[in-house]
Amino acid sequence: MQATVNGIDTRYVFEDRSGGPALTFIHQLGGDLTVWDTLAGHFRHRFRVLRYDVRGHGASAVSTSAFGFKELAADLSALLDAKDIEKTHIVGMSMGGMIAQQFALDHARHASTAGSRVLSLTLCDTASRTSPDARETWNERAALVRREGTAALADVTMARWFTPDFRRTNRDTVAQTCDVLLRTPAEGYARACEALRDFDVHERLAQLRVPTLAVAGRLDSGTPPALTEAMANAIPEARFETLDAAHLAPVEESHGFAALLETFLRQRV
């Protein structure tokens, strides 16, 4: 399904069969909505499940101008409006977790009021800011992809996203995930890198009054668990958990993640 969201032709899947609360999944840099296929199938019987391709990823159009996370959060808001979703639980992984944080700050600053749009946050393998000394790395990655495409990053990205054991025993999943990365438009990926370069909401997180679960892969070298834990510590009453996985913990440890998320959501529904 396609919708025009803030001028961006956006692909989404909305499974609206359960009559339950809305549950929105947001993917990582270089991913698309298919990364959530397994988890969407697990939760669609009790939740109305929304997944979408972030601008410049998957089958969503590439932005013609630069953007930051406020614009990415506004895209989510417009998509929710288009589907008449007033409130939703949100699960975001890596870049998706950053979009979720920005959206919560922009739309759930007073979570105890009826006007809040966020029922809960689940933030996976993500951080609340990019340190100044890491910003040039994002510039370099954007420049590399513009020159050579995402294929230049494929091998190192798969090594960062999954542990060696998982890559050996789950070749089909890794191949599918890599194919999505390879098909990500170079300019879409590069513009997202530039948004990541400037992301910093850490000092604002104390404003949140949203039930929050933070999950990190213990073996995540891309976003070390300490960064996810620091984010969780900045959010009042957030819960922090780890799984035996690398950067895409909800994929690598899908059963363990589903159990954590199910328990967390059961307490909120």
C-alpha atoms as a PDB file:
ATOM      1  CA  MET A   1       0.000   0.000   0.000  1.00  0.00           C
ATOM      2  CA  GLN A   2       1.159   3.542  -0.738  1.00  0.00           C
ATOM      3  CA  ALA A   3       0.331   6.918   0.794  1.00  0.00           C
ATOM      4  CA  THR A   4       1.671  10.392   0.146  1.00  0.00           C
ATOM      5  CA  VAL A   5       3.199  11.537   3.432  1.00  0.00           C
ATOM      6  CA  ASN A   6       4.551  15.095   3.600  1.00  0.00           C
ATOM      7  CA  GLY A   7       5.063  14.964  -0.154  1.00  0.00           C
ATOM      8  CA  ILE A   8       6.864  11.587   0.005  1.00  0.00           C
ATOM      9  CA  ASP A   9       5.297   8.560  -1.674  1.00  0.00           C
ATOM     10  CA  THR A  10       5.486   6.078   1.212  1.00  0.00           C
ATOM     11  CA  ARG A  11       5.016   2.310   1.261  1.00  0.00           C
ATOM     12  CA  TYR A  12       3.299   0.840   4.299  1.00  0.00           C
ATOM     13  CA  VAL A  13       1.500  -2.289   5.488  1.00  0.00           C
ATOM     14  CA  PHE A  14      -1.352  -1.902   7.965  1.00  0.00           C
ATOM     15  CA  GLU A  15      -2.934  -5.075   9.313  1.00  0.00           C
ATOM     16  CA  ASP A  16      -6.168  -3.846  10.833  1.00  0.00           C
ATOM     17  CA  ARG A  17      -7.922  -7.096  11.712  1.00  0.00           C
ATOM     18  CA  SER A  18      -7.605  -7.548  15.459  1.00  0.00           C
ATOM     19  CA  GLY A  19      -9.480  -4.480  16.692  1.00  0.00           C
ATOM     20  CA  GLY A  20      -6.759  -4.042  19.312  1.00  0.00           C
ATOM     21  CA  PRO A  21      -4.444  -1.104  20.016  1.00  0.00           C
ATOM     22  CA  ALA A  22      -2.120   0.085  17.246  1.00  0.00           C
ATOM     23  CA  LEU A  23       1.470  -1.167  17.214  1.00  0.00           C
ATOM     24  CA  THR A  24       3.923   0.593  14.883  1.00  0.00           C
ATOM     25  CA  PHE A  25       7.315  -0.827  13.835  1.00  0.00           C
ATOM     26  CA  ILE A  26      10.124   1.392  12.432  1.00  0.00           C
ATOM     27  CA  HIS A  27      13.145  -0.152  10.703  1.00  0.00           C
ATOM     28  CA  GLN A  28      16.881   0.537  10.722  1.00  0.00           C
ATOM     29  CA  LEU A  29      19.109   2.513   8.341  1.00  0.00           C
ATOM     30  CA  GLY A  30      19.427   0.500   5.136  1.00  0.00           C
ATOM     31  CA  GLY A  31      16.369  -1.602   5.958  1.00  0.00           C
ATOM     32  CA  ASP A  32      12.698  -1.651   5.079  1.00  0.00           C
ATOM     33  CA  LEU A  33       9.420  -2.828   6.549  1.00  0.00           C
ATOM     34  CA  THR A  34      10.122  -6.494   5.749  1.00  0.00           C
ATOM     35  CA  VAL A  35      12.606  -6.697   8.628  1.00  0.00           C
ATOM     36  CA  TRP A  36       9.521  -6.891  10.869  1.00  0.00           C
ATOM     37  CA  ASP A  37       7.743  -9.708   8.993  1.00  0.00           C
ATOM     38  CA  THR A  38       8.155 -12.295  11.752  1.00  0.00           C
ATOM     39  CA  LEU A  39       7.240  -9.980  14.613  1.00  0.00           C
ATOM     40  CA  ALA A  40       4.301  -8.485  12.739  1.00  0.00           C
ATOM     41  CA  GLY A  41       2.931 -11.986  12.260  1.00  0.00           C
ATOM     42  CA  HIS A  42       3.346 -12.700  15.956  1.00  0.00           C
ATOM     43  CA  PHE A  43       1.457  -9.597  17.130  1.00  0.00           C
ATOM     44  CA  ARG A  44      -1.162  -9.024  14.445  1.00  0.00           C
ATOM     45  CA  HIS A  45      -3.770 -11.164  16.203  1.00  0.00           C
ATOM     46  CA  ARG A  46      -3.948  -8.791  19.181  1.00  0.00           C
ATOM     47  CA  PHE A  47      -2.786  -5.488  17.698  1.00  0.00           C
ATOM     48  CA  ARG A  48      -3.426  -3.402  14.612  1.00  0.00           C
ATOM     49  CA  VAL A  49       0.097  -3.554  13.186  1.00  0.00           C
ATOM     50  CA  LEU A  50       1.588  -0.756  11.082  1.00  0.00           C
ATOM     51  CA  ARG A  51       4.929  -0.979   9.287  1.00  0.00           C
ATOM     52  CA  TYR A  52       6.353   1.430   6.727  1.00  0.00           C
ATOM     53  CA  ASP A  53       9.440   2.260   4.688  1.00  0.00           C
ATOM     54  CA  VAL A  54      11.180   5.381   5.978  1.00  0.00           C
ATOM     55  CA  ARG A  55      11.683   8.000   3.262  1.00  0.00           C
ATOM     56  CA  GLY A  56      14.547   7.037   0.927  1.00  0.00           C
ATOM     57  CA  HIS A  57      14.283   3.361   1.880  1.00  0.00           C
ATOM     58  CA  GLY A  58      12.504   0.372   0.394  1.00  0.00           C
ATOM     59  CA  ALA A  59       9.699   1.457  -1.917  1.00  0.00           C
ATOM     60  CA  SER A  60       9.317   4.926  -0.371  1.00  0.00           C
ATOM     61  CA  ALA A  61      10.485   7.879  -2.431  1.00  0.00           C
ATOM     62  CA  VAL A  62      13.798   9.620  -1.872  1.00  0.00           C
ATOM     63  CA  SER A  63      13.541  13.101  -0.403  1.00  0.00           C
ATOM     64  CA  THR A  64      14.609  15.863  -2.770  1.00  0.00           C
ATOM     65  CA  SER A  65      16.065  17.896   0.091  1.00  0.00           C
ATOM     66  CA  ALA A  66      17.938  17.370   3.337  1.00  0.00           C
ATOM     67  CA  PHE A  67      15.979  16.369   6.425  1.00  0.00           C
ATOM     68  CA  GLY A  68      16.455  15.662  10.100  1.00  0.00           C
ATOM     69  CA  PHE A  69      14.666  13.545  12.655  1.00  0.00           C
ATOM     70  CA  LYS A  70      11.957  16.138  13.192  1.00  0.00           C
ATOM     71  CA  GLU A  71      10.941  15.608   9.574  1.00  0.00           C
ATOM     72  CA  LEU A  72      11.142  11.815   9.956  1.00  0.00           C
ATOM     73  CA  ALA A  73       8.934  12.011  13.039  1.00  0.00           C
ATOM     74  CA  ALA A  74       6.532  14.261  11.145  1.00  0.00           C
ATOM     75  CA  ASP A  75       6.330  11.597   8.423  1.00  0.00           C
ATOM     76  CA  LEU A  76       5.202   9.080  11.026  1.00  0.00           C
ATOM     77  CA  SER A  77       2.644  11.525  12.396  1.00  0.00           C
ATOM     78  CA  ALA A  78       1.198  12.141   8.932  1.00  0.00           C
ATOM     79  CA  LEU A  79       1.011   8.406   8.203  1.00  0.00           C
ATOM     80  CA  LEU A  80      -0.821   7.795  11.486  1.00  0.00           C
ATOM     81  CA  ASP A  81      -3.239  10.572  10.542  1.00  0.00           C
ATOM     82  CA  ALA A  82      -3.784   8.993   7.129  1.00  0.00           C
ATOM     83  CA  LYS A  83      -4.748   5.689   8.774  1.00  0.00           C
ATOM     84  CA  ASP A  84      -6.865   7.362  11.484  1.00  0.00           C
ATOM     85  CA  ILE A  85      -4.573   6.081  14.227  1.00  0.00           C
ATOM     86  CA  GLU A  86      -4.851   8.409  17.199  1.00  0.00           C
ATOM     87  CA  LYS A  87      -2.488   6.538  19.544  1.00  0.00           C
ATOM     88  CA  THR A  88       0.038   3.753  19.078  1.00  0.00           C
ATOM     89  CA  HIS A  89       2.648   1.626  20.747  1.00  0.00           C
ATOM     90  CA  ILE A  90       5.951   2.190  18.893  1.00  0.00           C
ATOM     91  CA  VAL A  91       8.852  -0.216  18.330  1.00  0.00           C
ATOM     92  CA  GLY A  92      11.945   1.277  16.702  1.00  0.00           C
ATOM     93  CA  MET A  93      15.268  -0.371  15.892  1.00  0.00           C
ATOM     94  CA  SER A  94      18.528   1.569  15.426  1.00  0.00           C
ATOM     95  CA  MET A  95      17.568   4.591  13.269  1.00  0.00           C
ATOM     96  CA  GLY A  96      13.947   3.599  13.859  1.00  0.00           C
ATOM     97  CA  GLY A  97      14.516   3.960  17.591  1.00  0.00           C
ATOM     98  CA  MET A  98      15.754   7.486  17.021  1.00  0.00           C
ATOM     99  CA  ILE A  99      12.646   8.329  15.012  1.00  0.00           C
ATOM    100  CA  ALA A 100      10.576   6.890  17.872  1.00  0.00           C
ATOM    101  CA  GLN A 101      12.352   9.053  20.446  1.00  0.00           C
ATOM    102  CA  GLN A 102      11.869  12.186  18.341  1.00  0.00           C
ATOM    103  CA  PHE A 103       8.212  11.365  17.750  1.00  0.00           C
ATOM    104  CA  ALA A 104       7.610  10.779  21.457  1.00  0.00           C
ATOM    105  CA  LEU A 105       9.212  14.089  22.344  1.00  0.00           C
ATOM    106  CA  ASP A 106       7.248  15.943  19.678  1.00  0.00           C
ATOM    107  CA  HIS A 107       3.890  14.230  20.267  1.00  0.00           C
ATOM    108  CA  ALA A 108       3.842  12.793  23.782  1.00  0.00           C
ATOM    109  CA  ARG A 109       5.476  15.402  25.920  1.00  0.00           C
ATOM    110  CA  HIS A 110       2.550  15.156  28.331  1.00  0.00           C
ATOM    111  CA  ALA A 111       1.927  11.422  28.204  1.00  0.00           C
ATOM    112  CA  SER A 112      -0.650  11.499  31.011  1.00  0.00           C
ATOM    113  CA  THR A 113      -3.013  13.659  28.977  1.00  0.00           C
ATOM    114  CA  ALA A 114      -5.640  12.474  26.537  1.00  0.00           C
ATOM    115  CA  GLY A 115      -3.765  14.183  23.719  1.00  0.00           C
ATOM    116  CA  SER A 116      -0.772  11.854  23.848  1.00  0.00           C
ATOM    117  CA  ARG A 117      -0.164   9.795  20.703  1.00  0.00           C
ATOM    118  CA  VAL A 118       2.337   7.343  22.250  1.00  0.00           C
ATOM    119  CA  LEU A 119       1.078   4.431  24.335  1.00  0.00           C
ATOM    120  CA  SER A 120       4.556   2.982  24.885  1.00  0.00           C
ATOM    121  CA  LEU A 121       8.062   3.004  23.427  1.00  0.00           C
ATOM    122  CA  THR A 122      10.288   0.010  22.700  1.00  0.00           C
ATOM    123  CA  LEU A 123      13.742   1.225  21.643  1.00  0.00           C
ATOM    124  CA  CYS A 124      16.128  -1.391  20.249  1.00  0.00           C
ATOM    125  CA  ASP A 125      19.875  -1.155  19.572  1.00  0.00           C
ATOM    126  CA  THR A 126      19.716   2.611  19.467  1.00  0.00           C
ATOM    127  CA  ALA A 127      21.073   5.723  21.153  1.00  0.00           C
ATOM    128  CA  SER A 128      19.833   9.170  22.100  1.00  0.00           C
ATOM    129  CA  ARG A 129      22.593  11.127  20.374  1.00  0.00           C
ATOM    130  CA  THR A 130      25.560  11.005  18.031  1.00  0.00           C
ATOM    131  CA  SER A 131      28.730  12.131  19.762  1.00  0.00           C
ATOM    132  CA  PRO A 132      30.616  15.013  18.081  1.00  0.00           C
ATOM    133  CA  ASP A 133      33.663  12.830  17.443  1.00  0.00           C
ATOM    134  CA  ALA A 134      31.528  10.370  15.448  1.00  0.00           C
ATOM    135  CA  ARG A 135      29.937  12.919  13.150  1.00  0.00           C
ATOM    136  CA  GLU A 136      32.693  12.913  10.549  1.00  0.00           C
ATOM    137  CA  THR A 137      32.243   9.150  10.231  1.00  0.00           C
ATOM    138  CA  TRP A 138      28.671   9.731   9.071  1.00  0.00           C
ATOM    139  CA  ASN A 139      29.867  12.325   6.537  1.00  0.00           C
ATOM    140  CA  GLU A 140      32.375   9.807   5.208  1.00  0.00           C
ATOM    141  CA  ARG A 141      29.782   7.054   4.973  1.00  0.00           C
ATOM    142  CA  ALA A 142      27.360   9.321   3.102  1.00  0.00           C
ATOM    143  CA  ALA A 143      30.110  10.313   0.659  1.00  0.00           C
ATOM    144  CA  LEU A 144      31.143   6.672   0.101  1.00  0.00           C
ATOM    145  CA  VAL A 145      27.587   5.572  -0.664  1.00  0.00           C
ATOM    146  CA  ARG A 146      27.057   8.464  -3.055  1.00  0.00           C
ATOM    147  CA  ARG A 147      30.210   7.395  -4.924  1.00  0.00           C
ATOM    148  CA  GLU A 148      29.885   3.610  -4.862  1.00  0.00           C
ATOM    149  CA  GLY A 149      26.376   2.727  -3.694  1.00  0.00           C
ATOM    150  CA  THR A 150      25.386   0.667  -0.673  1.00  0.00           C
ATOM    151  CA  ALA A 151      27.258  -2.354  -2.062  1.00  0.00           C
ATOM    152  CA  ALA A 152      30.432  -0.728  -0.719  1.00  0.00           C
ATOM    153  CA  LEU A 153      29.069  -1.272   2.816  1.00  0.00           C
ATOM    154  CA  ALA A 154      27.387  -4.649   2.457  1.00  0.00           C
ATOM    155  CA  ASP A 155      29.991  -6.993   3.945  1.00  0.00           C
ATOM    156  CA  VAL A 156      30.952  -4.803   6.886  1.00  0.00           C
ATOM    157  CA  THR A 157      27.308  -4.036   7.605  1.00  0.00           C
ATOM    158  CA  MET A 158      26.275  -7.691   7.755  1.00  0.00           C
ATOM    159  CA  ALA A 159      29.233  -8.361  10.073  1.00  0.00           C
ATOM    160  CA  ARG A 160      28.030  -5.557  12.334  1.00  0.00           C
ATOM    161  CA  TRP A 161      24.349  -6.472  12.213  1.00  0.00           C
ATOM    162  CA  PHE A 162      24.664 -10.205  12.957  1.00  0.00           C
ATOM    163  CA  THR A 163      26.980 -12.423  14.987  1.00  0.00           C
ATOM    164  CA  PRO A 164      29.202 -14.950  13.130  1.00  0.00           C
ATOM    165  CA  ASP A 165      27.109 -17.864  14.408  1.00  0.00           C
ATOM    166  CA  PHE A 166      23.878 -16.329  13.144  1.00  0.00           C
ATOM    167  CA  ARG A 167      25.403 -15.530   9.745  1.00  0.00           C
ATOM    168  CA  ARG A 168      26.507 -19.149   9.426  1.00  0.00           C
ATOM    169  CA  THR A 169      23.248 -20.802  10.510  1.00  0.00           C
ATOM    170  CA  ASN A 170      20.696 -18.326   9.100  1.00  0.00           C
ATOM    171  CA  ARG A 171      22.047 -17.632   5.642  1.00  0.00           C
ATOM    172  CA  ASP A 172      18.636 -16.956   4.079  1.00  0.00           C
ATOM    173  CA  THR A 173      17.751 -14.267   6.632  1.00  0.00           C
ATOM    174  CA  VAL A 174      21.139 -12.611   6.231  1.00  0.00           C
ATOM    175  CA  ALA A 175      20.896 -12.758   2.423  1.00  0.00           C
ATOM    176  CA  GLN A 176      17.428 -11.203   2.452  1.00  0.00           C
ATOM    177  CA  THR A 177      18.549  -8.444   4.840  1.00  0.00           C
ATOM    178  CA  CYS A 178      21.601  -7.763   2.686  1.00  0.00           C
ATOM    179  CA  ASP A 179      19.467  -7.610  -0.456  1.00  0.00           C
ATOM    180  CA  VAL A 180      17.303  -4.916   1.139  1.00  0.00           C
ATOM    181  CA  LEU A 181      20.451  -2.923   1.947  1.00  0.00           C
ATOM    182  CA  LEU A 182      21.749  -3.324  -1.613  1.00  0.00           C
ATOM    183  CA  ARG A 183      18.430  -2.065  -3.022  1.00  0.00           C
ATOM    184  CA  THR A 184      18.358   1.000  -0.757  1.00  0.00           C
ATOM    185  CA  PRO A 185      18.758   4.112  -2.945  1.00  0.00           C
ATOM    186  CA  ALA A 186      22.197   5.645  -2.448  1.00  0.00           C
ATOM    187  CA  GLU A 187      20.836   9.159  -1.973  1.00  0.00           C
ATOM    188  CA  GLY A 188      18.177   7.982   0.464  1.00  0.00           C
ATOM    189  CA  TYR A 189      20.816   6.204   2.547  1.00  0.00           C
ATOM    190  CA  ALA A 190      23.214   9.161   2.374  1.00  0.00           C
ATOM    191  CA  ARG A 191      20.622  11.714   3.444  1.00  0.00           C
ATOM    192  CA  ALA A 192      19.672   9.482   6.385  1.00  0.00           C
ATOM    193  CA  CYS A 193      23.370   9.320   7.363  1.00  0.00           C
ATOM    194  CA  GLU A 194      23.420  13.107   7.479  1.00  0.00           C
ATOM    195  CA  ALA A 195      20.337  13.129   9.687  1.00  0.00           C
ATOM    196  CA  LEU A 196      21.990  10.588  12.006  1.00  0.00           C
ATOM    197  CA  ARG A 197      25.107  12.751  12.137  1.00  0.00           C
ATOM    198  CA  ASP A 198      23.159  15.582  13.770  1.00  0.00           C
ATOM    199  CA  PHE A 199      20.843  13.578  16.052  1.00  0.00           C
ATOM    200  CA  ASP A 200      20.839  14.536  19.742  1.00  0.00           C
ATOM    201  CA  VAL A 201      17.796  14.419  22.022  1.00  0.00           C
ATOM    202  CA  HIS A 202      19.545  13.120  25.132  1.00  0.00           C
ATOM    203  CA  GLU A 203      19.008  16.149  27.349  1.00  0.00           C
ATOM    204  CA  ARG A 204      15.297  16.179  26.527  1.00  0.00           C
ATOM    205  CA  LEU A 205      14.545  12.574  27.455  1.00  0.00           C
ATOM    206  CA  ALA A 206      13.815  13.446  31.075  1.00  0.00           C
ATOM    207  CA  GLN A 207      10.638  15.125  29.755  1.00  0.00           C
ATOM    208  CA  LEU A 208       9.176  11.792  28.671  1.00  0.00           C
ATOM    209  CA  ARG A 209       6.483  10.132  30.733  1.00  0.00           C
ATOM    210  CA  VAL A 210       5.987   7.202  28.406  1.00  0.00           C
ATOM    211  CA  PRO A 211       6.339   3.537  29.439  1.00  0.00           C
ATOM    212  CA  THR A 212       9.621   2.537  27.813  1.00  0.00           C
ATOM    213  CA  LEU A 213      11.466  -0.709  27.165  1.00  0.00           C
ATOM    214  CA  ALA A 214      15.048  -0.453  25.881  1.00  0.00           C
ATOM    215  CA  VAL A 215      16.693  -3.547  24.396  1.00  0.00           C
ATOM    216  CA  ALA A 216      20.325  -3.975  23.340  1.00  0.00           C
ATOM    217  CA  GLY A 217      22.287  -6.772  21.748  1.00  0.00           C
ATOM    218  CA  ARG A 218      25.134  -7.704  24.086  1.00  0.00           C
ATOM    219  CA  LEU A 219      27.452  -8.126  21.088  1.00  0.00           C
ATOM    220  CA  ASP A 220      26.413  -4.957  19.271  1.00  0.00           C
ATOM    221  CA  SER A 221      29.511  -3.123  18.054  1.00  0.00           C
ATOM    222  CA  GLY A 222      27.549  -0.585  15.995  1.00  0.00           C
ATOM    223  CA  THR A 223      25.625   0.803  18.961  1.00  0.00           C
ATOM    224  CA  PRO A 224      27.326  -0.609  22.054  1.00  0.00           C
ATOM    225  CA  PRO A 225      24.892  -1.632  24.817  1.00  0.00           C
ATOM    226  CA  ALA A 226      26.258   1.108  27.084  1.00  0.00           C
ATOM    227  CA  LEU A 227      24.788   3.731  24.744  1.00  0.00           C
ATOM    228  CA  THR A 228      21.345   2.122  24.787  1.00  0.00           C
ATOM    229  CA  GLU A 229      21.540   1.807  28.563  1.00  0.00           C
ATOM    230  CA  ALA A 230      22.517   5.484  28.894  1.00  0.00           C
ATOM    231  CA  MET A 231      19.458   6.384  26.837  1.00  0.00           C
ATOM    232  CA  ALA A 232      17.267   4.207  29.058  1.00  0.00           C
ATOM    233  CA  ASN A 233      18.705   5.769  32.194  1.00  0.00           C
ATOM    234  CA  ALA A 234      17.746   9.209  30.892  1.00  0.00           C
ATOM    235  CA  ILE A 235      14.061   8.216  30.464  1.00  0.00           C
ATOM    236  CA  PRO A 236      12.105   8.139  33.727  1.00  0.00           C
ATOM    237  CA  GLU A 237      11.331   4.566  34.809  1.00  0.00           C
ATOM    238  CA  ALA A 238      12.534   2.996  31.555  1.00  0.00           C
ATOM    239  CA  ARG A 239      13.386  -0.709  31.648  1.00  0.00           C
ATOM    240  CA  PHE A 240      16.640  -1.962  30.079  1.00  0.00           C
ATOM    241  CA  GLU A 241      17.183  -5.517  28.803  1.00  0.00           C
ATOM    242  CA  THR A 242      19.869  -7.282  26.759  1.00  0.00           C
ATOM    243  CA  LEU A 243      19.798 -10.197  24.337  1.00  0.00           C
ATOM    244  CA  ASP A 244      22.602 -12.422  23.010  1.00  0.00           C
ATOM    245  CA  ALA A 245      22.796 -10.741  19.623  1.00  0.00           C
ATOM    246  CA  ALA A 246      24.574  -8.106  17.578  1.00  0.00           C
ATOM    247  CA  HIS A 247      23.006  -4.923  16.169  1.00  0.00           C
ATOM    248  CA  LEU A 248      19.708  -6.334  14.871  1.00  0.00           C
ATOM    249  CA  ALA A 249      18.737  -8.031  18.121  1.00  0.00           C
ATOM    250  CA  PRO A 250      14.983  -8.225  17.305  1.00  0.00           C
ATOM    251  CA  VAL A 251      15.889 -10.239  14.188  1.00  0.00           C
ATOM    252  CA  GLU A 252      18.711 -12.375  15.536  1.00  0.00           C
ATOM    253  CA  GLU A 253      16.898 -13.176  18.790  1.00  0.00           C
ATOM    254  CA  SER A 254      13.349 -12.889  17.471  1.00  0.00           C
ATOM    255  CA  HIS A 255      11.830 -15.317  19.966  1.00  0.00           C
ATOM    256  CA  GLY A 256      13.520 -13.706  22.950  1.00  0.00           C
ATOM    257  CA  PHE A 257      12.619 -10.229  21.737  1.00  0.00           C
ATOM    258  CA  ALA A 258       9.005 -11.227  21.080  1.00  0.00           C
ATOM    259  CA  ALA A 259       8.749 -12.564  24.631  1.00  0.00           C
ATOM    260  CA  LEU A 260      10.154  -9.345  26.095  1.00  0.00           C
ATOM    261  CA  LEU A 261       7.854  -7.192  23.981  1.00  0.00           C
ATOM    262  CA  GLU A 262       4.795  -9.324  24.659  1.00  0.00           C
ATOM    263  CA  THR A 263       5.315  -9.135  28.424  1.00  0.00           C
ATOM    264  CA  PHE A 264       5.923  -5.392  28.247  1.00  0.00           C
ATOM    265  CA  LEU A 265       2.854  -4.716  26.103  1.00  0.00           C
ATOM    266  CA  ARG A 266       0.635  -6.958  28.205  1.00  0.00           C
ATOM    267  CA  GLN A 267       1.325  -4.646  31.121  1.00  0.00           C
ATOM    268  CA  ARG A 268       0.238  -1.658  29.029  1.00  0.00           C
ATOM    269  CA  VAL A 269      -2.940  -2.936  27.336  1.00  0.00           C
END
